Protein backbone atom coordinates (compact mmCIF):
# COMPACT_ATOMS: atom_id res chain seq x y z
CA UNK A 1 0.00 0.00 0.00
CA UNK A 2 1.35 3.41 -0.95
CA UNK A 3 1.87 6.01 1.76
CA UNK A 4 -0.67 8.90 1.69
CA UNK A 5 0.41 11.95 -0.29
CA UNK A 6 -0.71 14.37 2.40
CA UNK A 7 -0.70 14.26 6.19
CA UNK A 8 -2.12 16.50 8.90
CA UNK A 9 0.25 19.43 9.59
CA UNK A 10 2.80 18.91 12.34
CA UNK A 11 1.32 19.53 15.76
CA UNK A 12 -2.23 18.75 14.63
CA UNK A 13 -4.28 15.57 14.43
CA UNK A 14 -7.47 14.18 12.96
CA UNK A 15 -10.37 13.23 15.18
CA UNK A 16 -11.82 9.94 13.99
CA UNK A 17 -14.23 7.59 15.74
CA UNK A 18 -14.32 6.49 18.47
CA UNK A 19 -12.10 9.34 19.68
CA UNK A 20 -14.06 11.89 17.68
CA UNK A 21 -17.27 10.85 19.40
CA UNK A 22 -15.49 11.00 22.75
CA UNK A 23 -14.32 14.56 22.06
CA UNK A 24 -17.89 15.62 21.29
CA UNK A 25 -19.04 14.05 24.55
CA UNK A 26 -16.31 15.88 26.49
CA UNK A 27 -17.33 19.23 25.00
CA UNK A 28 -20.99 18.55 25.77
CA UNK A 29 -20.21 17.58 29.38
CA UNK A 30 -18.11 20.69 29.97
CA UNK A 31 -20.77 22.92 28.41
CA UNK A 32 -23.77 21.34 30.19
CA UNK A 33 -23.25 23.11 33.57
CA UNK A 34 -22.92 26.44 31.77
CA UNK A 35 -26.13 25.96 29.83
CA UNK A 36 -27.98 24.95 32.98
CA UNK A 37 -26.71 28.14 34.65
CA UNK A 38 -28.22 30.39 31.98
CA UNK A 39 -25.14 31.10 29.86
CA UNK A 40 -25.95 31.99 26.24
CA UNK A 41 -23.94 30.69 23.30
CA UNK A 42 -21.64 32.97 21.31
CA UNK A 43 -19.46 32.14 18.32
CA UNK A 44 -16.71 34.35 16.88
CA UNK A 45 -14.61 34.01 13.70
CA UNK A 46 -11.57 31.73 13.75
CA UNK A 47 -9.39 34.71 12.85
CA UNK A 48 -9.31 38.31 14.05
CA UNK A 49 -7.29 41.45 13.50
CA UNK A 50 -3.78 40.81 14.77
CA UNK A 51 -3.90 44.01 16.82
CA UNK A 52 -6.73 42.60 18.95
CA UNK A 53 -4.40 39.96 20.37
CA UNK A 54 -1.28 42.13 20.42
CA UNK A 55 -3.08 44.70 22.56
CA UNK A 56 -5.43 42.43 24.47
CA UNK A 57 -3.26 39.41 25.25
CA UNK A 58 -0.10 41.49 25.66
CA UNK A 59 2.89 42.21 23.44
CA UNK A 60 5.32 40.74 25.98
CA UNK A 61 3.59 37.36 26.20
CA UNK A 62 4.92 34.22 24.55
CA UNK A 63 1.60 33.87 22.76
CA UNK A 64 2.06 37.15 20.90
CA UNK A 65 5.83 37.08 20.45
CA UNK A 66 6.29 33.41 19.49
CA UNK A 67 3.09 31.44 19.05
CA UNK A 68 0.56 33.26 16.86
CA UNK A 69 -0.37 32.20 13.34
CA UNK A 70 -0.44 35.63 11.72
CA UNK A 71 -0.61 36.55 8.05
CA UNK A 72 -1.56 39.34 5.67
CA UNK A 73 -4.61 38.79 3.48
CA UNK A 74 -4.79 39.56 -0.22
CA UNK A 75 -6.57 42.75 0.75
CA UNK A 76 -3.70 43.80 2.99
CA UNK A 77 -5.35 43.07 6.34
CA UNK A 78 -3.18 41.71 9.15
CA UNK A 79 -5.07 38.85 10.76
CA UNK A 80 -4.31 36.05 13.23
CA UNK A 81 -5.87 32.66 13.86
CA UNK A 82 -7.28 33.03 17.36
CA UNK A 83 -4.89 31.72 20.03
CA UNK A 84 -7.45 32.21 22.84
CA UNK A 85 -11.13 33.01 23.25
CA UNK A 86 -11.62 35.88 25.69
CA UNK A 87 -10.43 38.82 23.57
CA UNK A 88 -12.59 37.80 20.55
CA UNK A 89 -15.68 37.34 22.72
CA UNK A 90 -15.20 40.71 24.41
CA UNK A 91 -14.68 42.28 20.99
CA UNK A 92 -17.99 40.73 19.89
CA UNK A 93 -19.72 42.06 23.01
CA UNK A 94 -18.53 45.59 22.27
CA UNK A 95 -19.16 45.47 18.52
CA UNK A 96 -22.70 44.20 18.97
CA UNK A 97 -23.44 46.59 21.86
CA UNK A 98 -24.36 43.72 24.14
CA UNK A 99 -22.88 45.65 27.06
CA UNK A 100 -25.58 48.31 26.67
CA UNK A 101 -28.24 45.82 27.72
CA UNK A 102 -28.82 44.02 30.98
CA UNK A 103 -25.64 43.11 32.84
CA UNK A 104 -23.96 40.87 33.66
CA UNK A 105 -23.69 39.00 30.38
CA UNK A 106 -23.10 35.29 30.72
CA UNK A 107 -21.72 33.67 27.58
CA UNK A 108 -20.21 30.32 26.63
CA UNK A 109 -18.53 29.06 23.47
CA UNK A 110 -16.69 26.11 22.02
CA UNK A 111 -14.24 25.97 19.16
CA UNK A 112 -10.76 25.56 17.74
CA UNK A 113 -7.70 27.62 18.71
CA UNK A 114 -4.23 27.81 17.24
CA UNK A 115 -0.75 28.35 18.67
CA UNK A 116 2.63 27.66 17.11
CA UNK A 117 3.85 25.48 19.96
CA UNK A 118 6.58 22.86 20.16
CA UNK A 119 4.40 19.77 19.66
CA UNK A 120 4.25 17.26 22.52
CA UNK A 121 1.59 15.22 24.26
CA UNK A 122 -1.05 17.59 25.56
CA UNK A 123 0.33 20.59 23.66
CA UNK A 124 -0.85 20.93 20.08
CA UNK A 125 -0.87 23.64 17.45
CA UNK A 126 -4.59 23.15 16.93
CA UNK A 127 -6.68 22.48 20.02
CA UNK A 128 -10.27 22.62 21.22
CA UNK A 129 -11.69 24.50 24.16
CA UNK A 130 -14.97 25.16 25.90
CA UNK A 131 -14.94 28.69 27.28
CA UNK A 132 -17.17 30.98 29.31
CA UNK A 133 -17.23 34.67 30.18
CA UNK A 134 -19.18 36.77 32.68
CA UNK A 135 -19.04 40.39 31.55
CA UNK A 136 -20.16 43.50 33.38
CA UNK A 137 -19.70 42.70 37.07
CA UNK A 138 -16.93 42.84 39.65
CA UNK A 139 -18.81 40.53 42.01
CA UNK A 140 -16.48 37.78 43.32
CA UNK A 141 -19.45 35.42 43.15
CA UNK A 142 -18.95 35.31 39.37
CA UNK A 143 -15.34 34.19 39.85
CA UNK A 144 -16.46 31.43 42.20
CA UNK A 145 -19.39 30.43 39.98
CA UNK A 146 -17.14 29.77 36.99
CA UNK A 147 -14.79 27.62 39.06
CA UNK A 148 -17.72 25.61 40.41
CA UNK A 149 -19.23 25.11 36.94
CA UNK A 150 -15.91 23.88 35.57
CA UNK A 151 -15.49 21.47 38.49
CA UNK A 152 -19.03 20.17 37.90
CA UNK A 153 -18.16 19.53 34.25
CA UNK A 154 -15.06 17.53 35.18
CA UNK A 155 -17.02 15.57 37.78
CA UNK A 156 -19.73 14.72 35.25
CA UNK A 157 -17.06 13.04 33.15
CA UNK A 158 -15.98 10.93 36.11
CA UNK A 159 -12.67 12.71 36.72
CA UNK A 160 -11.43 12.60 40.30
CA UNK A 161 -7.83 13.77 39.86
CA UNK A 162 -8.42 17.39 38.82
CA UNK A 163 -6.91 19.82 41.35
CA UNK A 164 -8.05 23.44 41.61
CA UNK A 165 -5.36 26.08 42.12
CA UNK A 166 -6.42 29.59 43.12
CA UNK A 167 -4.51 32.87 43.42
CA UNK A 168 -4.93 36.61 43.04
CA UNK A 169 -2.59 39.02 41.30
CA UNK A 170 -4.39 42.06 42.69
CA UNK A 171 -5.68 45.13 40.91
CA UNK A 172 -4.28 48.56 40.16
CA UNK A 173 -4.66 49.22 43.86
CA UNK A 174 -2.13 46.56 44.84
CA UNK A 175 -0.04 45.70 41.83
CA UNK A 176 2.23 48.77 41.44
CA UNK A 177 3.96 48.18 44.78
CA UNK A 178 4.25 44.46 44.08
CA UNK A 179 5.56 45.06 40.57
CA UNK A 180 8.28 47.36 41.92
CA UNK A 181 9.31 44.84 44.60
CA UNK A 182 9.35 41.99 42.08
CA UNK A 183 11.42 43.98 39.60
CA UNK A 184 13.94 44.84 42.29
CA UNK A 185 14.28 41.15 43.16
CA UNK A 186 14.52 40.00 39.55
CA UNK A 187 17.14 42.61 38.65
CA UNK A 188 19.40 41.00 41.22
CA UNK A 189 19.34 37.66 39.39
CA UNK A 190 21.62 36.47 36.62
CA UNK A 191 19.07 36.32 33.80
CA UNK A 192 19.45 35.89 30.05
CA UNK A 193 18.93 38.94 27.86
CA UNK A 194 15.36 38.11 26.80
CA UNK A 195 14.21 37.40 30.36
CA UNK A 196 15.90 40.57 31.65
CA UNK A 197 14.03 42.55 29.01
CA UNK A 198 10.79 40.94 30.13
CA UNK A 199 11.50 42.09 33.71
CA UNK A 200 11.25 45.68 32.54
CA UNK A 201 8.15 45.18 30.37
CA UNK A 202 6.05 42.89 32.57
CA UNK A 203 7.85 41.17 35.45
CA UNK A 204 4.88 38.89 36.18
CA UNK A 205 5.65 37.13 32.88
CA UNK A 206 8.89 35.91 34.43
CA UNK A 207 6.90 34.09 37.12
CA UNK A 208 5.25 32.09 34.32
CA UNK A 209 8.60 30.87 32.96
CA UNK A 210 8.59 27.07 33.24
CA UNK A 211 12.37 26.55 32.95
CA UNK A 212 13.63 24.74 36.08
CA UNK A 213 16.57 27.11 36.56
CA UNK A 214 14.24 30.13 36.49
CA UNK A 215 11.75 28.53 38.86
CA UNK A 216 14.57 27.70 41.26
CA UNK A 217 15.79 31.31 41.23
CA UNK A 218 12.24 32.52 42.03
CA UNK A 219 12.04 30.58 45.30
CA UNK A 220 12.56 33.72 47.39
CA UNK A 221 10.67 36.14 45.14
CA UNK A 222 8.11 38.38 46.84
CA UNK A 223 4.48 37.22 46.82
CA UNK A 224 1.52 39.33 45.70
CA UNK A 225 -0.44 38.19 48.75
CA UNK A 226 1.90 40.29 50.89
CA UNK A 227 0.95 43.44 48.93
CA UNK A 228 -2.84 43.16 48.65
CA UNK A 229 -4.91 46.20 49.55
CA UNK A 230 -8.11 45.84 51.60
CA UNK A 231 -10.54 45.57 48.64
CA UNK A 232 -8.36 43.07 46.77
CA UNK A 233 -7.94 40.96 49.86
CA UNK A 234 -11.68 41.04 50.55
CA UNK A 235 -12.41 40.01 46.96
CA UNK A 236 -10.01 37.08 47.18
CA UNK A 237 -11.28 35.97 50.58
CA UNK A 238 -14.87 36.04 49.31
CA UNK A 239 -14.00 33.83 46.32
CA UNK A 240 -12.32 31.35 48.62
CA UNK A 241 -15.24 31.35 51.07
CA UNK A 242 -17.78 30.77 48.29
CA UNK A 243 -15.79 27.84 46.93
CA UNK A 244 -15.64 26.30 50.38
CA UNK A 245 -19.40 26.78 50.82
CA UNK A 246 -19.96 25.05 47.46
CA UNK A 247 -17.92 22.05 48.55
CA UNK A 248 -15.07 22.70 46.10
CA UNK A 249 -11.66 21.75 47.40
CA UNK A 250 -8.90 24.07 46.21
CA UNK A 251 -5.26 24.88 46.84
CA UNK A 252 -3.92 28.38 47.39
CA UNK A 253 -1.01 28.88 45.00
CA UNK A 254 0.55 32.32 45.63
CA UNK A 255 2.93 31.87 42.68
CA UNK A 256 0.26 31.05 40.12
CA UNK A 257 0.28 33.34 37.11
CA UNK A 258 -1.05 32.70 33.62
CA UNK A 259 0.40 33.59 30.26
CA UNK A 260 -1.86 36.50 29.35
CA UNK A 261 -1.41 40.12 30.36
CA UNK A 262 -5.07 41.01 30.78
CA UNK A 263 -5.62 39.21 34.08
CA UNK A 264 -6.46 41.07 37.30
CA UNK A 265 -7.33 39.81 40.75
CA UNK A 266 -8.59 36.20 40.64
CA UNK A 267 -6.59 33.55 38.81
CA UNK A 268 -7.39 29.84 38.79
CA UNK A 269 -6.11 26.73 37.09
CA UNK A 270 -7.30 23.13 36.85
CA UNK A 271 -4.44 20.64 36.78
CA UNK A 272 -4.17 16.87 36.50
CA UNK A 273 -1.02 15.17 37.67
CA UNK A 274 -1.48 12.27 35.25
CA UNK A 275 -0.52 14.43 32.26
CA UNK A 276 3.14 15.04 33.04
CA UNK A 277 4.58 18.47 32.26
CA UNK A 278 1.43 19.66 30.45
CA UNK A 279 -0.69 19.24 33.57
CA UNK A 280 -3.16 22.12 33.11
CA UNK A 281 -6.51 20.99 31.72
CA UNK A 282 -8.06 24.45 31.98
CA UNK A 283 -7.91 27.79 33.70
CA UNK A 284 -8.97 31.39 33.71
CA UNK A 285 -9.32 34.54 35.73
CA UNK A 286 -10.61 38.07 36.00
CA UNK A 287 -9.80 40.74 33.38
CA UNK A 288 -11.32 43.99 34.60
CA UNK A 289 -9.26 46.26 32.32
CA UNK A 290 -9.37 44.34 29.02
CA UNK A 291 -12.36 46.15 27.51
CA UNK A 292 -10.59 49.50 27.84
CA UNK A 293 -7.38 48.10 26.37
CA UNK A 294 -9.20 47.08 23.17
CA UNK A 295 -10.99 50.41 22.86
CA UNK A 296 -14.19 49.92 24.85
CA UNK A 297 -15.59 51.37 28.06
CA UNK A 298 -14.74 50.17 31.55
CA UNK A 299 -16.30 46.73 31.65
CA UNK A 300 -15.14 44.16 34.23
CA UNK A 301 -15.19 40.49 33.40
CA UNK A 302 -14.05 37.01 34.33
CA UNK A 303 -13.80 33.85 32.28
CA UNK A 304 -12.18 30.49 31.63
CA UNK A 305 -11.03 28.17 28.88
CA UNK A 306 -11.20 24.40 29.40
CA UNK A 307 -9.10 22.22 27.12
CA UNK A 308 -11.18 19.43 25.61
CA UNK A 309 -8.08 17.64 24.29
CA UNK A 310 -6.33 17.59 27.65
CA UNK A 311 -9.52 16.66 29.47
CA UNK A 312 -9.78 13.58 27.28
CA UNK A 313 -6.12 12.75 28.04
CA UNK A 314 -6.86 13.13 31.75
CA UNK A 315 -9.73 10.66 31.44
CA UNK A 316 -7.41 8.18 29.76
CA UNK A 317 -4.82 8.73 32.50
CA UNK A 318 -7.47 7.73 35.07
CA UNK A 319 -8.47 4.69 33.04
CA UNK A 320 -11.97 5.99 32.37
CA UNK A 321 -13.82 4.62 29.34
CA UNK A 322 -14.14 6.87 26.33
CA UNK A 323 -17.43 8.76 26.57
CA UNK A 324 -19.86 9.05 23.70
CA UNK A 325 -21.58 6.49 21.57
CA UNK A 326 -20.33 5.28 18.18
CA UNK A 327 -22.91 2.62 17.29
CA UNK A 328 -26.63 2.25 16.65
CA UNK A 329 -29.43 0.47 18.47
CA UNK A 330 -31.07 -1.28 15.52
CA UNK A 331 -29.58 -2.65 12.31
CA UNK A 332 -31.88 -3.70 9.47
CA UNK A 333 -30.90 -6.67 7.29
CA UNK A 334 -33.00 -6.78 4.09
CA UNK A 335 -32.90 -9.84 1.87
CA UNK A 336 -34.01 -8.90 -1.64
CA UNK A 337 -34.90 -5.73 -3.53
CA UNK A 338 -38.42 -5.34 -2.13
CA UNK A 339 -37.11 -5.89 1.40
CA UNK A 340 -34.35 -3.32 0.84
CA UNK A 341 -36.93 -0.64 0.00
CA UNK A 342 -39.00 -1.59 3.05
CA UNK A 343 -35.93 -1.59 5.34
CA UNK A 344 -34.96 1.88 4.15
CA UNK A 345 -38.40 3.18 5.15
CA UNK A 346 -38.17 1.37 8.50
CA UNK A 347 -34.79 2.86 9.35
CA UNK A 348 -36.01 6.33 8.37
CA UNK A 349 -39.04 5.96 10.68
CA UNK A 350 -36.90 4.72 13.56
CA UNK A 351 -34.48 7.64 13.25
CA UNK A 352 -37.37 10.10 13.23
CA UNK A 353 -38.60 8.48 16.43
CA UNK A 354 -35.23 8.97 18.11
CA UNK A 355 -33.91 5.42 17.67
CA UNK A 356 -30.38 5.17 16.29
CA UNK A 357 -30.62 2.84 13.30
CA UNK A 358 -28.75 1.72 10.21
CA UNK A 359 -29.15 -0.91 7.49
CA UNK A 360 -27.12 -3.19 5.26
CA UNK A 361 -26.71 -1.86 1.72
CA UNK A 362 -25.20 -3.09 -1.50
CA UNK A 363 -27.28 -6.25 -1.77
CA UNK A 364 -25.25 -8.20 0.80
CA UNK A 365 -26.16 -11.75 1.61
CA UNK A 366 -27.34 -12.76 5.06
CA UNK A 367 -23.89 -13.72 6.37
CA UNK A 368 -22.19 -10.49 5.26
CA UNK A 369 -25.11 -8.37 6.46
CA UNK A 370 -25.07 -9.95 9.93
CA UNK A 371 -21.33 -9.26 10.20
CA UNK A 372 -22.11 -5.63 9.42
CA UNK A 373 -24.78 -5.69 12.12
CA UNK A 374 -22.25 -6.94 14.67
CA UNK A 375 -19.73 -4.25 13.66
CA UNK A 376 -22.40 -1.56 14.02
CA UNK A 377 -22.70 -2.21 17.75
CA UNK A 378 -26.45 -2.61 17.43
CA UNK A 379 -28.42 -4.37 20.15
CA UNK A 380 -31.00 -5.72 17.75
CA UNK A 381 -31.10 -6.78 14.11
CA UNK A 382 -34.27 -6.72 12.03
CA UNK A 383 -34.03 -9.40 9.37
CA UNK A 384 -36.67 -9.32 6.65
CA UNK A 385 -37.07 -11.13 3.35
CA UNK A 386 -39.73 -11.32 0.67
CA UNK A 387 -41.59 -14.15 2.44
CA UNK A 388 -41.60 -12.17 5.73
CA UNK A 389 -43.17 -9.21 3.98
CA UNK A 390 -45.82 -11.43 2.41
CA UNK A 391 -46.68 -12.63 5.92
CA UNK A 392 -46.59 -9.09 7.36
CA UNK A 393 -43.79 -9.80 9.86
CA UNK A 394 -40.09 -9.11 10.44
CA UNK A 395 -37.61 -11.15 12.45
CA UNK A 396 -36.17 -9.22 15.43
CA UNK A 397 -32.95 -10.78 16.71
CA UNK A 398 -31.25 -9.94 20.01
CA UNK A 399 -27.61 -9.81 18.96
CA UNK A 400 -26.37 -10.44 22.52
CA UNK A 401 -28.42 -13.58 23.24
CA UNK A 402 -29.21 -14.79 19.73
CA UNK A 403 -32.93 -14.98 20.57
CA UNK A 404 -35.23 -14.18 17.64
CA UNK A 405 -38.96 -13.53 17.31
CA UNK A 406 -41.38 -12.60 14.55
CA UNK A 407 -42.99 -9.19 15.06
CA UNK A 408 -45.83 -7.67 13.04
CA UNK A 409 -44.54 -4.93 10.73
CA UNK A 410 -47.49 -2.72 11.76
CA UNK A 411 -46.26 -2.43 15.33
CA UNK A 412 -42.55 -2.88 14.67
CA UNK A 413 -41.41 0.69 15.31
CA UNK A 414 -43.28 0.81 18.62
CA UNK A 415 -41.85 -2.57 19.59
CA UNK A 416 -38.27 -1.53 18.83
CA UNK A 417 -38.66 1.76 20.68
CA UNK A 418 -39.76 -0.17 23.74
CA UNK A 419 -36.80 -2.56 23.46
CA UNK A 420 -34.13 0.13 23.22
């Protein structure tokens, strides 16, 4: 067999069954708590103006400096495949004047995102997320609500090893003093030229550096929790108290930062120790100044992005079965041309009644058609030939037990619905 001429680009992969069905089930499970909490669906383009991410995500971040898929269109527009979801959603809120209506806005979304990463397990150049945003409120209850809804999504999938990390990086009230203290500490370290430059632009980015030698040198770095003003501390304490009241176990991580510049106050991350170095399965935080950065009015917000790909890897790490169904309930086996036409109508009726059904095609004989029925995963086969139709019956076979019975064609759909 010749090798295929084309392959998926490096760092990407195809989703084929049963994994494709499992990914759909993961997305649905992560979205279900949001939908039940009144979040409305929003969908934005897969690409945006490059400036939206440069300004919103932050020009000093690795995402903007190293990882964006950016290009110039034939019309001369500079655009970028979206590397994250919050900036596009907030842009959509502002463009469509949603912020002029009732607040807060609660929105959720699901889609593909793109970053030019070094490919490895759990880190891909094309990945899927389920995200949510609460726009228009500074209430710490919104921060806690999002964390709880994410935890509920993970629990619904059967995951028990997801840990919740929580921190605050303060607001404009607290951060200037902390920034100055952190810069003073970092300037005393022996850093490479690029990292030293980052100290001057945004020193919090250095805290997000995953290199072991950098992390070791940060052991004695000052903590933001020592610089929090009264309102920031009260906000953080309220989030923590609400999580405790909701029965969500969490860990305080005073060194937690995330790789986007727009965050303020609450930060949180969901990690799974079964994934190795790429342990984060999701995360988010508050971004009270982002709307102004991208040209809008003051509009506080908080949100998260949950990685569907990594969530599925976490399920595999725990030995959980792949979610989602890939088979049908009923498989029709027609024997003869007249039976084939009848079976097509039967399968159509079953599908319209909510029963997953399929049929053998191509004029297969009984043996080949029954093999197809077994491969389909069906619980029951409906075998029908010309003589059966003359008698007004069809043979319903339980594929698990081998038991078979003749059922009147007039009540067949009702009978099969009751069986499945």
